[in-house]
Amino acid sequence: MSNRIASGWSNNTSAAVDGKRPNFEGSAHMRWNAVGPDYLTTLGTPLIEGRDFRDSDSASAPKVAIINETFAKRYLPSQNPIGHLVGMSTRSDAPQYTIVGVAADSKYTGAREDATATAYFSYQQIRGIGTMHVEVHTRGRAEALLPPVQRAVREFAPDLPLLKPMTQQSQFAESFSEERLFARLAMCFGLLAVALVTTGIYGTLAYMVNRRRSEVGIRMALGAQRGQVVWMVLRESGAVVAAGVLVGVPLAIAATRLLRTMLFGVAPSDPLTFAAGLALIAVVALIASLLPARRAATTDPMVALRYE
């Protein structure tokens, strides 16, 4: 292929269908790639109709192309695309390629992109291709095959330079470098926020319990059980946390909508994410409340009554 998948690069041009510009409002845009035999089979891209490229699709053979589903639906709606012509220009002397297959939509420049009208051509039938990327379909650990593949290429063509050999998974991982950095920063700030919440809840409740030592002493002198004192402190903690949740959740939903472009695979209002966040807040609040609650429950009534 002339452009490596998930590299962020692509060939783009205006589409010509059956020698003319498609009857379509707006730009008749087409993305294209020059690929080799068994391209779809190697990458595991489903073939909806027709066939994959073959070794026989050489420079002297009839020119052929494969389009994706979006191309077919956009420029050849309600028609059988097989047999139609696709080109990169409406000029009379521009090469025309017969459509021999329709492939399922797949990611091209990156994992975030939306489906785009795409055409694939045999690299042997495209002039001026200066760089090609070779894909090898493997089973098991693909990293283990990189050295043998490099040796095989060097034996075949010692003067052929290899540009950044890597697995397709590593290529996609590299395309997520900014998102990964953002996720790590968000995790660090999240852990810092958890620490601040824990410290704040503990400090607030410890101060409240200390100020109410006399009240606690009176309650226990009048027969209040330790479990009742613990429940009183936890109930007050729960009220504070509930108030924070009522204020924080709408603000969090508003913030996630602002971060929509930074999210991938997660909806801005993903219920599972919010449920996990609320569960974490509840656990943190419980842990931060237990120590002041236990301290209040172990208060000696006589000492508390003499306090202040």
C-alpha atoms as a PDB file:
ATOM      1  CA  MET A   1       0.000   0.000   0.000  1.00  0.00           C
ATOM      2  CA  SER A   2       1.214   3.533  -0.678  1.00  0.00           C
ATOM      3  CA  ASN A   3       0.001   4.934   2.666  1.00  0.00           C
ATOM      4  CA  ARG A   4       0.340   3.096   5.943  1.00  0.00           C
ATOM      5  CA  ILE A   5      -2.928   2.631   7.803  1.00  0.00           C
ATOM      6  CA  ALA A   6      -3.335   4.858  10.902  1.00  0.00           C
ATOM      7  CA  SER A   7      -0.335   6.962   9.905  1.00  0.00           C
ATOM      8  CA  GLY A   8      -2.491  10.083   9.577  1.00  0.00           C
ATOM      9  CA  TRP A   9      -1.759  10.398   5.839  1.00  0.00           C
ATOM     10  CA  SER A  10      -3.974   9.683   2.850  1.00  0.00           C
ATOM     11  CA  ASN A  11      -4.272  10.348  -0.873  1.00  0.00           C
ATOM     12  CA  ASN A  12      -7.253  12.557  -1.691  1.00  0.00           C
ATOM     13  CA  THR A  13      -8.753  13.675  -4.976  1.00  0.00           C
ATOM     14  CA  SER A  14     -12.050  14.384  -6.714  1.00  0.00           C
ATOM     15  CA  ALA A  15     -13.970  11.329  -7.802  1.00  0.00           C
ATOM     16  CA  ALA A  16     -15.089  10.557 -11.314  1.00  0.00           C
ATOM     17  CA  VAL A  17     -17.705   7.856 -11.844  1.00  0.00           C
ATOM     18  CA  ASP A  18     -18.296   6.484 -15.336  1.00  0.00           C
ATOM     19  CA  GLY A  19     -16.165   9.299 -16.747  1.00  0.00           C
ATOM     20  CA  LYS A  20     -18.079  12.185 -15.203  1.00  0.00           C
ATOM     21  CA  ARG A  21     -18.426  14.011 -11.927  1.00  0.00           C
ATOM     22  CA  PRO A  22     -20.960  12.286  -9.641  1.00  0.00           C
ATOM     23  CA  ASN A  23     -24.365  13.942  -9.418  1.00  0.00           C
ATOM     24  CA  PHE A  24     -23.847  14.862  -5.798  1.00  0.00           C
ATOM     25  CA  GLU A  25     -24.388  18.088  -3.867  1.00  0.00           C
ATOM     26  CA  GLY A  26     -21.161  19.432  -2.452  1.00  0.00           C
ATOM     27  CA  SER A  27     -17.637  18.150  -3.006  1.00  0.00           C
ATOM     28  CA  ALA A  28     -17.288  14.812  -4.814  1.00  0.00           C
ATOM     29  CA  HIS A  29     -14.376  13.838  -2.594  1.00  0.00           C
ATOM     30  CA  MET A  30     -12.596  10.491  -2.798  1.00  0.00           C
ATOM     31  CA  ARG A  31      -9.794   8.989  -0.729  1.00  0.00           C
ATOM     32  CA  TRP A  32      -7.622   6.438  -2.492  1.00  0.00           C
ATOM     33  CA  ASN A  33      -4.778   4.042  -1.856  1.00  0.00           C
ATOM     34  CA  ALA A  34      -2.548   1.981  -4.132  1.00  0.00           C
ATOM     35  CA  VAL A  35      -2.401  -1.578  -2.801  1.00  0.00           C
ATOM     36  CA  GLY A  36      -1.160  -5.034  -3.742  1.00  0.00           C
ATOM     37  CA  PRO A  37      -2.683  -8.485  -4.278  1.00  0.00           C
ATOM     38  CA  ASP A  38      -4.851  -9.930  -1.491  1.00  0.00           C
ATOM     39  CA  TYR A  39      -4.891  -6.557   0.277  1.00  0.00           C
ATOM     40  CA  LEU A  40      -8.330  -7.036   1.820  1.00  0.00           C
ATOM     41  CA  THR A  41      -7.629 -10.646   2.779  1.00  0.00           C
ATOM     42  CA  THR A  42      -4.358  -9.721   4.482  1.00  0.00           C
ATOM     43  CA  LEU A  43      -5.936  -6.964   6.545  1.00  0.00           C
ATOM     44  CA  GLY A  44      -9.080  -8.945   7.287  1.00  0.00           C
ATOM     45  CA  THR A  45     -11.363  -6.358   5.681  1.00  0.00           C
ATOM     46  CA  PRO A  46     -14.669  -8.025   4.695  1.00  0.00           C
ATOM     47  CA  LEU A  47     -15.450  -8.145   0.982  1.00  0.00           C
ATOM     48  CA  ILE A  48     -19.116  -7.316   0.391  1.00  0.00           C
ATOM     49  CA  GLU A  49     -19.210  -7.972  -3.361  1.00  0.00           C
ATOM     50  CA  GLY A  50     -16.827  -8.982  -6.101  1.00  0.00           C
ATOM     51  CA  ARG A  51     -13.206  -9.974  -5.599  1.00  0.00           C
ATOM     52  CA  ASP A  52      -9.908  -8.917  -4.059  1.00  0.00           C
ATOM     53  CA  PHE A  53      -6.869  -7.817  -6.076  1.00  0.00           C
ATOM     54  CA  ARG A  54      -4.827 -10.562  -7.745  1.00  0.00           C
ATOM     55  CA  ASP A  55      -1.287 -10.992  -9.040  1.00  0.00           C
ATOM     56  CA  SER A  56      -2.755 -10.838 -12.533  1.00  0.00           C
ATOM     57  CA  ASP A  57      -3.827  -7.200 -12.019  1.00  0.00           C
ATOM     58  CA  SER A  58      -0.568  -6.044 -13.573  1.00  0.00           C
ATOM     59  CA  ALA A  59       0.340  -2.885 -15.463  1.00  0.00           C
ATOM     60  CA  SER A  60      -0.633  -4.512 -18.785  1.00  0.00           C
ATOM     61  CA  ALA A  61      -3.920  -5.975 -17.491  1.00  0.00           C
ATOM     62  CA  PRO A  62      -7.290  -4.181 -17.593  1.00  0.00           C
ATOM     63  CA  LYS A  63      -7.366  -1.458 -14.949  1.00  0.00           C
ATOM     64  CA  VAL A  64      -9.456  -2.417 -11.918  1.00  0.00           C
ATOM     65  CA  ALA A  65     -10.508  -0.849  -8.631  1.00  0.00           C
ATOM     66  CA  ILE A  66     -12.254  -1.754  -5.399  1.00  0.00           C
ATOM     67  CA  ILE A  67     -14.469   0.743  -3.564  1.00  0.00           C
ATOM     68  CA  ASN A  68     -15.816   0.775  -0.027  1.00  0.00           C
ATOM     69  CA  GLU A  69     -19.454   0.789   1.091  1.00  0.00           C
ATOM     70  CA  THR A  70     -19.556   4.540   1.661  1.00  0.00           C
ATOM     71  CA  PHE A  71     -18.354   5.179  -1.901  1.00  0.00           C
ATOM     72  CA  ALA A  72     -21.042   2.859  -3.286  1.00  0.00           C
ATOM     73  CA  LYS A  73     -23.837   4.402  -1.208  1.00  0.00           C
ATOM     74  CA  ARG A  74     -22.753   7.961  -1.936  1.00  0.00           C
ATOM     75  CA  TYR A  75     -21.936   7.870  -5.650  1.00  0.00           C
ATOM     76  CA  LEU A  76     -23.756   4.744  -6.904  1.00  0.00           C
ATOM     77  CA  PRO A  77     -26.912   4.549  -4.780  1.00  0.00           C
ATOM     78  CA  SER A  78     -29.437   1.812  -5.581  1.00  0.00           C
ATOM     79  CA  GLN A  79     -27.087   0.367  -8.183  1.00  0.00           C
ATOM     80  CA  ASN A  80     -24.799  -2.615  -8.462  1.00  0.00           C
ATOM     81  CA  PRO A  81     -21.343  -0.977  -8.418  1.00  0.00           C
ATOM     82  CA  ILE A  82     -19.601  -3.934 -10.090  1.00  0.00           C
ATOM     83  CA  GLY A  83     -18.688  -2.996 -13.660  1.00  0.00           C
ATOM     84  CA  HIS A  84     -18.939   0.774 -13.221  1.00  0.00           C
ATOM     85  CA  LEU A  85     -15.877   2.946 -13.835  1.00  0.00           C
ATOM     86  CA  VAL A  86     -14.053   5.094 -11.306  1.00  0.00           C
ATOM     87  CA  GLY A  87     -11.293   7.608 -11.998  1.00  0.00           C
ATOM     88  CA  MET A  88      -9.379  10.449 -10.378  1.00  0.00           C
ATOM     89  CA  SER A  89     -10.381  13.026 -12.931  1.00  0.00           C
ATOM     90  CA  THR A  90     -13.116  13.807 -15.445  1.00  0.00           C
ATOM     91  CA  ARG A  91     -10.582  14.548 -18.191  1.00  0.00           C
ATOM     92  CA  SER A  92     -11.095  12.497 -21.335  1.00  0.00           C
ATOM     93  CA  ASP A  93      -7.557  11.156 -21.206  1.00  0.00           C
ATOM     94  CA  ALA A  94      -7.711  10.236 -17.488  1.00  0.00           C
ATOM     95  CA  PRO A  95      -7.391   6.492 -16.737  1.00  0.00           C
ATOM     96  CA  GLN A  96     -10.647   4.753 -15.862  1.00  0.00           C
ATOM     97  CA  TYR A  97     -10.723   1.735 -13.573  1.00  0.00           C
ATOM     98  CA  THR A  98     -13.441  -0.919 -13.603  1.00  0.00           C
ATOM     99  CA  ILE A  99     -14.931  -1.646 -10.192  1.00  0.00           C
ATOM    100  CA  VAL A 100     -14.456  -5.342  -9.414  1.00  0.00           C
ATOM    101  CA  GLY A 101     -15.229  -5.357  -5.700  1.00  0.00           C
ATOM    102  CA  VAL A 102     -16.906  -3.575  -2.803  1.00  0.00           C
ATOM    103  CA  ALA A 103     -15.197  -3.702   0.591  1.00  0.00           C
ATOM    104  CA  ALA A 104     -16.597  -2.925   4.016  1.00  0.00           C
ATOM    105  CA  ASP A 105     -15.787   0.480   5.487  1.00  0.00           C
ATOM    106  CA  SER A 106     -12.597   0.492   7.553  1.00  0.00           C
ATOM    107  CA  LYS A 107     -10.399   2.981   9.372  1.00  0.00           C
ATOM    108  CA  TYR A 108      -7.698   4.548   7.241  1.00  0.00           C
ATOM    109  CA  THR A 109      -5.855   7.579   8.624  1.00  0.00           C
ATOM    110  CA  GLY A 110      -6.757   6.897  12.265  1.00  0.00           C
ATOM    111  CA  ALA A 111      -9.203   5.258  14.620  1.00  0.00           C
ATOM    112  CA  ARG A 112     -11.234   8.442  15.092  1.00  0.00           C
ATOM    113  CA  GLU A 113     -12.173   9.129  11.485  1.00  0.00           C
ATOM    114  CA  ASP A 114     -15.669   8.763  10.097  1.00  0.00           C
ATOM    115  CA  ALA A 115     -16.363   6.552   7.092  1.00  0.00           C
ATOM    116  CA  THR A 116     -15.148   8.240   3.898  1.00  0.00           C
ATOM    117  CA  ALA A 117     -15.676   7.353   0.242  1.00  0.00           C
ATOM    118  CA  THR A 118     -12.545   5.347  -0.603  1.00  0.00           C
ATOM    119  CA  ALA A 119     -11.228   3.603  -3.701  1.00  0.00           C
ATOM    120  CA  TYR A 120      -8.361   1.113  -3.889  1.00  0.00           C
ATOM    121  CA  PHE A 121      -6.233   0.590  -7.002  1.00  0.00           C
ATOM    122  CA  SER A 122      -3.582  -1.966  -7.917  1.00  0.00           C
ATOM    123  CA  TYR A 123      -0.200  -0.348  -7.293  1.00  0.00           C
ATOM    124  CA  GLN A 124       1.063  -1.837 -10.570  1.00  0.00           C
ATOM    125  CA  GLN A 125      -1.531   0.206 -12.463  1.00  0.00           C
ATOM    126  CA  ILE A 126      -0.760   3.558 -10.792  1.00  0.00           C
ATOM    127  CA  ARG A 127       2.148   5.655 -12.018  1.00  0.00           C
ATOM    128  CA  GLY A 128       4.503   7.571  -9.753  1.00  0.00           C
ATOM    129  CA  ILE A 129       4.261   5.423  -6.614  1.00  0.00           C
ATOM    130  CA  GLY A 130       7.532   6.096  -4.802  1.00  0.00           C
ATOM    131  CA  THR A 131       6.899   4.457  -1.433  1.00  0.00           C
ATOM    132  CA  MET A 132       5.136   1.222  -0.581  1.00  0.00           C
ATOM    133  CA  HIS A 133       4.319  -0.387   2.766  1.00  0.00           C
ATOM    134  CA  VAL A 134       4.149  -4.151   3.082  1.00  0.00           C
ATOM    135  CA  GLU A 135       1.610  -5.757   5.421  1.00  0.00           C
ATOM    136  CA  VAL A 136       2.222  -9.275   6.763  1.00  0.00           C
ATOM    137  CA  HIS A 137      -0.693 -11.179   8.304  1.00  0.00           C
ATOM    138  CA  THR A 138       0.482 -13.176  11.338  1.00  0.00           C
ATOM    139  CA  ARG A 139      -0.782 -15.340  14.152  1.00  0.00           C
ATOM    140  CA  GLY A 140       0.511 -15.017  17.685  1.00  0.00           C
ATOM    141  CA  ARG A 141       3.017 -12.314  18.644  1.00  0.00           C
ATOM    142  CA  ALA A 142       3.569 -10.137  15.590  1.00  0.00           C
ATOM    143  CA  GLU A 143       6.633  -8.470  17.176  1.00  0.00           C
ATOM    144  CA  ALA A 144       8.528 -11.769  17.032  1.00  0.00           C
ATOM    145  CA  LEU A 145       8.277 -11.800  13.212  1.00  0.00           C
ATOM    146  CA  LEU A 146       9.732  -8.329  12.654  1.00  0.00           C
ATOM    147  CA  PRO A 147      13.424  -9.440  12.624  1.00  0.00           C
ATOM    148  CA  PRO A 148      12.816 -12.338  10.167  1.00  0.00           C
ATOM    149  CA  VAL A 149      10.801 -10.053   7.883  1.00  0.00           C
ATOM    150  CA  GLN A 150      13.569  -7.447   7.947  1.00  0.00           C
ATOM    151  CA  ARG A 151      16.173 -10.097   7.103  1.00  0.00           C
ATOM    152  CA  ALA A 152      14.030 -11.407   4.235  1.00  0.00           C
ATOM    153  CA  VAL A 153      13.685  -7.900   2.777  1.00  0.00           C
ATOM    154  CA  ARG A 154      17.444  -7.285   3.052  1.00  0.00           C
ATOM    155  CA  GLU A 155      18.154 -10.570   1.284  1.00  0.00           C
ATOM    156  CA  PHE A 156      15.675  -9.717  -1.468  1.00  0.00           C
ATOM    157  CA  ALA A 157      16.816  -6.111  -1.939  1.00  0.00           C
ATOM    158  CA  PRO A 158      19.904  -5.087   0.095  1.00  0.00           C
ATOM    159  CA  ASP A 159      19.689  -1.471  -1.114  1.00  0.00           C
ATOM    160  CA  LEU A 160      16.000  -1.078  -0.233  1.00  0.00           C
ATOM    161  CA  PRO A 161      15.626   1.155   2.875  1.00  0.00           C
ATOM    162  CA  LEU A 162      13.103   0.102   5.522  1.00  0.00           C
ATOM    163  CA  LEU A 163      11.090   2.975   6.951  1.00  0.00           C
ATOM    164  CA  LYS A 164      10.160   2.372  10.569  1.00  0.00           C
ATOM    165  CA  PRO A 165       9.111  -1.306  10.607  1.00  0.00           C
ATOM    166  CA  MET A 166       6.407  -1.899  13.206  1.00  0.00           C
ATOM    167  CA  THR A 167       3.253  -3.866  13.890  1.00  0.00           C
ATOM    168  CA  GLN A 168      -0.116  -2.442  12.926  1.00  0.00           C
ATOM    169  CA  GLN A 169      -1.068  -2.411  16.599  1.00  0.00           C
ATOM    170  CA  SER A 170       1.987  -0.279  17.379  1.00  0.00           C
ATOM    171  CA  GLN A 171       1.040   2.068  14.544  1.00  0.00           C
ATOM    172  CA  PHE A 172      -2.436   2.593  15.993  1.00  0.00           C
ATOM    173  CA  ALA A 173      -0.919   2.999  19.479  1.00  0.00           C
ATOM    174  CA  GLU A 174       1.381   5.700  18.115  1.00  0.00           C
ATOM    175  CA  SER A 175      -1.590   7.527  16.637  1.00  0.00           C
ATOM    176  CA  PHE A 176      -3.050   7.709  20.164  1.00  0.00           C
ATOM    177  CA  SER A 177       0.047   9.323  21.723  1.00  0.00           C
ATOM    178  CA  GLU A 178      -1.710  12.622  22.465  1.00  0.00           C
ATOM    179  CA  GLU A 179      -4.783  10.885  23.847  1.00  0.00           C
ATOM    180  CA  ARG A 180      -2.586   8.628  25.993  1.00  0.00           C
ATOM    181  CA  LEU A 181      -0.734  11.652  27.414  1.00  0.00           C
ATOM    182  CA  PHE A 182      -4.053  13.362  28.138  1.00  0.00           C
ATOM    183  CA  ALA A 183      -5.357  10.202  29.847  1.00  0.00           C
ATOM    184  CA  ARG A 184      -2.274   9.971  32.053  1.00  0.00           C
ATOM    185  CA  LEU A 185      -2.537  13.615  33.030  1.00  0.00           C
ATOM    186  CA  ALA A 186      -6.243  13.172  33.742  1.00  0.00           C
ATOM    187  CA  MET A 187      -5.465  10.130  35.894  1.00  0.00           C
ATOM    188  CA  CYS A 188      -2.852  12.058  37.877  1.00  0.00           C
ATOM    189  CA  PHE A 189      -5.235  14.956  38.447  1.00  0.00           C
ATOM    190  CA  GLY A 190      -7.999  12.477  39.317  1.00  0.00           C
ATOM    191  CA  LEU A 191      -5.845  10.798  41.975  1.00  0.00           C
ATOM    192  CA  LEU A 192      -4.920  14.224  43.319  1.00  0.00           C
ATOM    193  CA  ALA A 193      -8.615  15.117  43.456  1.00  0.00           C
ATOM    194  CA  VAL A 194      -9.360  11.865  45.343  1.00  0.00           C
ATOM    195  CA  ALA A 195      -6.633  12.703  47.862  1.00  0.00           C
ATOM    196  CA  LEU A 196      -8.014  16.226  48.311  1.00  0.00           C
ATOM    197  CA  VAL A 197     -11.577  14.930  48.714  1.00  0.00           C
ATOM    198  CA  THR A 198     -10.473  12.353  51.282  1.00  0.00           C
ATOM    199  CA  THR A 199      -8.451  14.908  53.227  1.00  0.00           C
ATOM    200  CA  GLY A 200     -11.235  17.483  53.043  1.00  0.00           C
ATOM    201  CA  ILE A 201     -13.984  15.139  54.232  1.00  0.00           C
ATOM    202  CA  TYR A 202     -11.815  13.759  57.026  1.00  0.00           C
ATOM    203  CA  GLY A 203     -10.728  17.215  58.173  1.00  0.00           C
ATOM    204  CA  THR A 204     -14.270  18.610  58.099  1.00  0.00           C
ATOM    205  CA  LEU A 205     -15.781  15.696  60.026  1.00  0.00           C
ATOM    206  CA  ALA A 206     -12.929  15.576  62.520  1.00  0.00           C
ATOM    207  CA  TYR A 207     -13.444  19.269  63.216  1.00  0.00           C
ATOM    208  CA  MET A 208     -17.223  18.828  63.559  1.00  0.00           C
ATOM    209  CA  VAL A 209     -16.825  15.875  65.925  1.00  0.00           C
ATOM    210  CA  ASN A 210     -14.288  17.739  68.020  1.00  0.00           C
ATOM    211  CA  ARG A 211     -16.639  20.743  68.320  1.00  0.00           C
ATOM    212  CA  ARG A 212     -19.527  18.474  69.361  1.00  0.00           C
ATOM    213  CA  ARG A 213     -17.711  16.441  72.000  1.00  0.00           C
ATOM    214  CA  SER A 214     -19.999  17.775  74.702  1.00  0.00           C
ATOM    215  CA  GLU A 215     -23.100  16.859  72.682  1.00  0.00           C
ATOM    216  CA  VAL A 216     -21.706  13.389  72.046  1.00  0.00           C
ATOM    217  CA  GLY A 217     -20.932  12.984  75.744  1.00  0.00           C
ATOM    218  CA  ILE A 218     -24.463  13.993  76.709  1.00  0.00           C
ATOM    219  CA  ARG A 219     -25.968  11.586  74.146  1.00  0.00           C
ATOM    220  CA  MET A 220     -23.852   8.721  75.430  1.00  0.00           C
ATOM    221  CA  ALA A 221     -24.561   9.620  79.061  1.00  0.00           C
ATOM    222  CA  LEU A 222     -28.265   9.482  78.276  1.00  0.00           C
ATOM    223  CA  GLY A 223     -27.884   5.983  76.827  1.00  0.00           C
ATOM    224  CA  ALA A 224     -26.878   6.440  73.189  1.00  0.00           C
ATOM    225  CA  GLN A 225     -25.031   3.389  71.865  1.00  0.00           C
ATOM    226  CA  ARG A 226     -21.745   3.564  70.004  1.00  0.00           C
ATOM    227  CA  GLY A 227     -23.401   2.335  66.824  1.00  0.00           C
ATOM    228  CA  GLN A 228     -25.871   5.224  67.032  1.00  0.00           C
ATOM    229  CA  VAL A 229     -23.035   7.731  67.398  1.00  0.00           C
ATOM    230  CA  VAL A 230     -21.203   6.192  64.419  1.00  0.00           C
ATOM    231  CA  TRP A 231     -24.389   6.332  62.344  1.00  0.00           C
ATOM    232  CA  MET A 232     -24.929   9.993  63.306  1.00  0.00           C
ATOM    233  CA  VAL A 233     -21.470  10.956  62.030  1.00  0.00           C
ATOM    234  CA  LEU A 234     -21.797   8.859  58.864  1.00  0.00           C
ATOM    235  CA  ARG A 235     -25.234  10.331  58.179  1.00  0.00           C
ATOM    236  CA  GLU A 236     -23.823  13.841  58.357  1.00  0.00           C
ATOM    237  CA  SER A 237     -21.002  12.814  56.050  1.00  0.00           C
ATOM    238  CA  GLY A 238     -23.531  11.329  53.620  1.00  0.00           C
ATOM    239  CA  ALA A 239     -25.485  14.584  53.577  1.00  0.00           C
ATOM    240  CA  VAL A 240     -22.350  16.540  52.678  1.00  0.00           C
ATOM    241  CA  VAL A 241     -21.424  14.058  49.928  1.00  0.00           C
ATOM    242  CA  ALA A 242     -24.981  14.024  48.540  1.00  0.00           C
ATOM    243  CA  ALA A 243     -24.977  17.806  48.306  1.00  0.00           C
ATOM    244  CA  GLY A 244     -21.650  17.674  46.485  1.00  0.00           C
ATOM    245  CA  VAL A 245     -22.953  15.042  44.068  1.00  0.00           C
ATOM    246  CA  LEU A 246     -26.093  17.052  43.286  1.00  0.00           C
ATOM    247  CA  VAL A 247     -23.926  20.042  42.389  1.00  0.00           C
ATOM    248  CA  GLY A 248     -21.049  18.123  40.785  1.00  0.00           C
ATOM    249  CA  VAL A 249     -22.847  15.715  38.453  1.00  0.00           C
ATOM    250  CA  PRO A 250     -24.477  18.414  36.260  1.00  0.00           C
ATOM    251  CA  LEU A 251     -21.136  20.242  36.127  1.00  0.00           C
ATOM    252  CA  ALA A 252     -19.386  16.986  35.168  1.00  0.00           C
ATOM    253  CA  ILE A 253     -21.895  16.347  32.367  1.00  0.00           C
ATOM    254  CA  ALA A 254     -21.337  19.875  31.046  1.00  0.00           C
ATOM    255  CA  ALA A 255     -17.562  19.393  31.203  1.00  0.00           C
ATOM    256  CA  THR A 256     -17.661  16.088  29.299  1.00  0.00           C
ATOM    257  CA  ARG A 257     -19.528  17.746  26.453  1.00  0.00           C
ATOM    258  CA  LEU A 258     -16.653  20.219  26.172  1.00  0.00           C
ATOM    259  CA  LEU A 259     -14.236  17.267  26.052  1.00  0.00           C
ATOM    260  CA  ARG A 260     -16.222  15.393  23.373  1.00  0.00           C
ATOM    261  CA  THR A 261     -13.400  15.664  20.813  1.00  0.00           C
ATOM    262  CA  MET A 262     -10.929  14.104  23.269  1.00  0.00           C
ATOM    263  CA  LEU A 263     -13.067  11.053  23.973  1.00  0.00           C
ATOM    264  CA  PHE A 264     -12.880   7.861  21.954  1.00  0.00           C
ATOM    265  CA  GLY A 265     -15.097   4.837  22.527  1.00  0.00           C
ATOM    266  CA  VAL A 266     -16.881   6.596  25.405  1.00  0.00           C
ATOM    267  CA  ALA A 267     -19.987   8.735  25.098  1.00  0.00           C
ATOM    268  CA  PRO A 268     -19.918  12.112  26.897  1.00  0.00           C
ATOM    269  CA  SER A 269     -22.751  10.930  29.157  1.00  0.00           C
ATOM    270  CA  ASP A 270     -21.651   7.288  29.473  1.00  0.00           C
ATOM    271  CA  PRO A 271     -23.725   5.920  32.406  1.00  0.00           C
ATOM    272  CA  LEU A 272     -21.158   3.277  33.347  1.00  0.00           C
ATOM    273  CA  THR A 273     -18.419   5.895  33.744  1.00  0.00           C
ATOM    274  CA  PHE A 274     -20.618   8.112  35.911  1.00  0.00           C
ATOM    275  CA  ALA A 275     -21.734   5.122  37.999  1.00  0.00           C
ATOM    276  CA  ALA A 276     -18.100   4.134  38.578  1.00  0.00           C
ATOM    277  CA  GLY A 277     -17.264   7.713  39.575  1.00  0.00           C
ATOM    278  CA  LEU A 278     -20.154   7.899  42.029  1.00  0.00           C
ATOM    279  CA  ALA A 279     -19.169   4.526  43.511  1.00  0.00           C
ATOM    280  CA  LEU A 280     -15.601   5.769  43.989  1.00  0.00           C
ATOM    281  CA  ILE A 281     -16.854   8.926  45.692  1.00  0.00           C
ATOM    282  CA  ALA A 282     -19.014   6.845  48.043  1.00  0.00           C
ATOM    283  CA  VAL A 283     -16.083   4.577  48.966  1.00  0.00           C
ATOM    284  CA  VAL A 284     -13.744   7.537  49.524  1.00  0.00           C
ATOM    285  CA  ALA A 285     -16.350   9.322  51.654  1.00  0.00           C
ATOM    286  CA  LEU A 286     -16.943   6.187  53.736  1.00  0.00           C
ATOM    287  CA  ILE A 287     -13.231   5.660  54.374  1.00  0.00           C
ATOM    288  CA  ALA A 288     -12.708   9.325  55.249  1.00  0.00           C
ATOM    289  CA  SER A 289     -15.696   9.273  57.622  1.00  0.00           C
ATOM    290  CA  LEU A 290     -14.947   6.073  59.531  1.00  0.00           C
ATOM    291  CA  LEU A 291     -12.029   7.399  61.620  1.00  0.00           C
ATOM    292  CA  PRO A 292     -13.891  10.474  62.994  1.00  0.00           C
ATOM    293  CA  ALA A 293     -16.973   8.279  63.526  1.00  0.00           C
ATOM    294  CA  ARG A 294     -14.994   5.682  65.492  1.00  0.00           C
ATOM    295  CA  ARG A 295     -13.300   8.435  67.495  1.00  0.00           C
ATOM    296  CA  ALA A 296     -16.686   9.889  68.398  1.00  0.00           C
ATOM    297  CA  ALA A 297     -18.014   6.449  69.386  1.00  0.00           C
ATOM    298  CA  THR A 298     -15.104   5.828  71.762  1.00  0.00           C
ATOM    299  CA  THR A 299     -15.545   9.164  73.561  1.00  0.00           C
ATOM    300  CA  ASP A 300     -15.679   8.854  77.358  1.00  0.00           C
ATOM    301  CA  PRO A 301     -18.927  10.592  78.440  1.00  0.00           C
ATOM    302  CA  MET A 302     -17.335  11.999  81.609  1.00  0.00           C
ATOM    303  CA  VAL A 303     -14.391  13.463  79.717  1.00  0.00           C
ATOM    304  CA  ALA A 304     -16.690  14.882  77.052  1.00  0.00           C
ATOM    305  CA  LEU A 305     -18.964  16.509  79.653  1.00  0.00           C
ATOM    306  CA  ARG A 306     -15.957  18.256  81.243  1.00  0.00           C
ATOM    307  CA  TYR A 307     -14.766  19.426  77.821  1.00  0.00           C
ATOM    308  CA  GLU A 308     -14.903  23.242  77.610  1.00  0.00           C
END
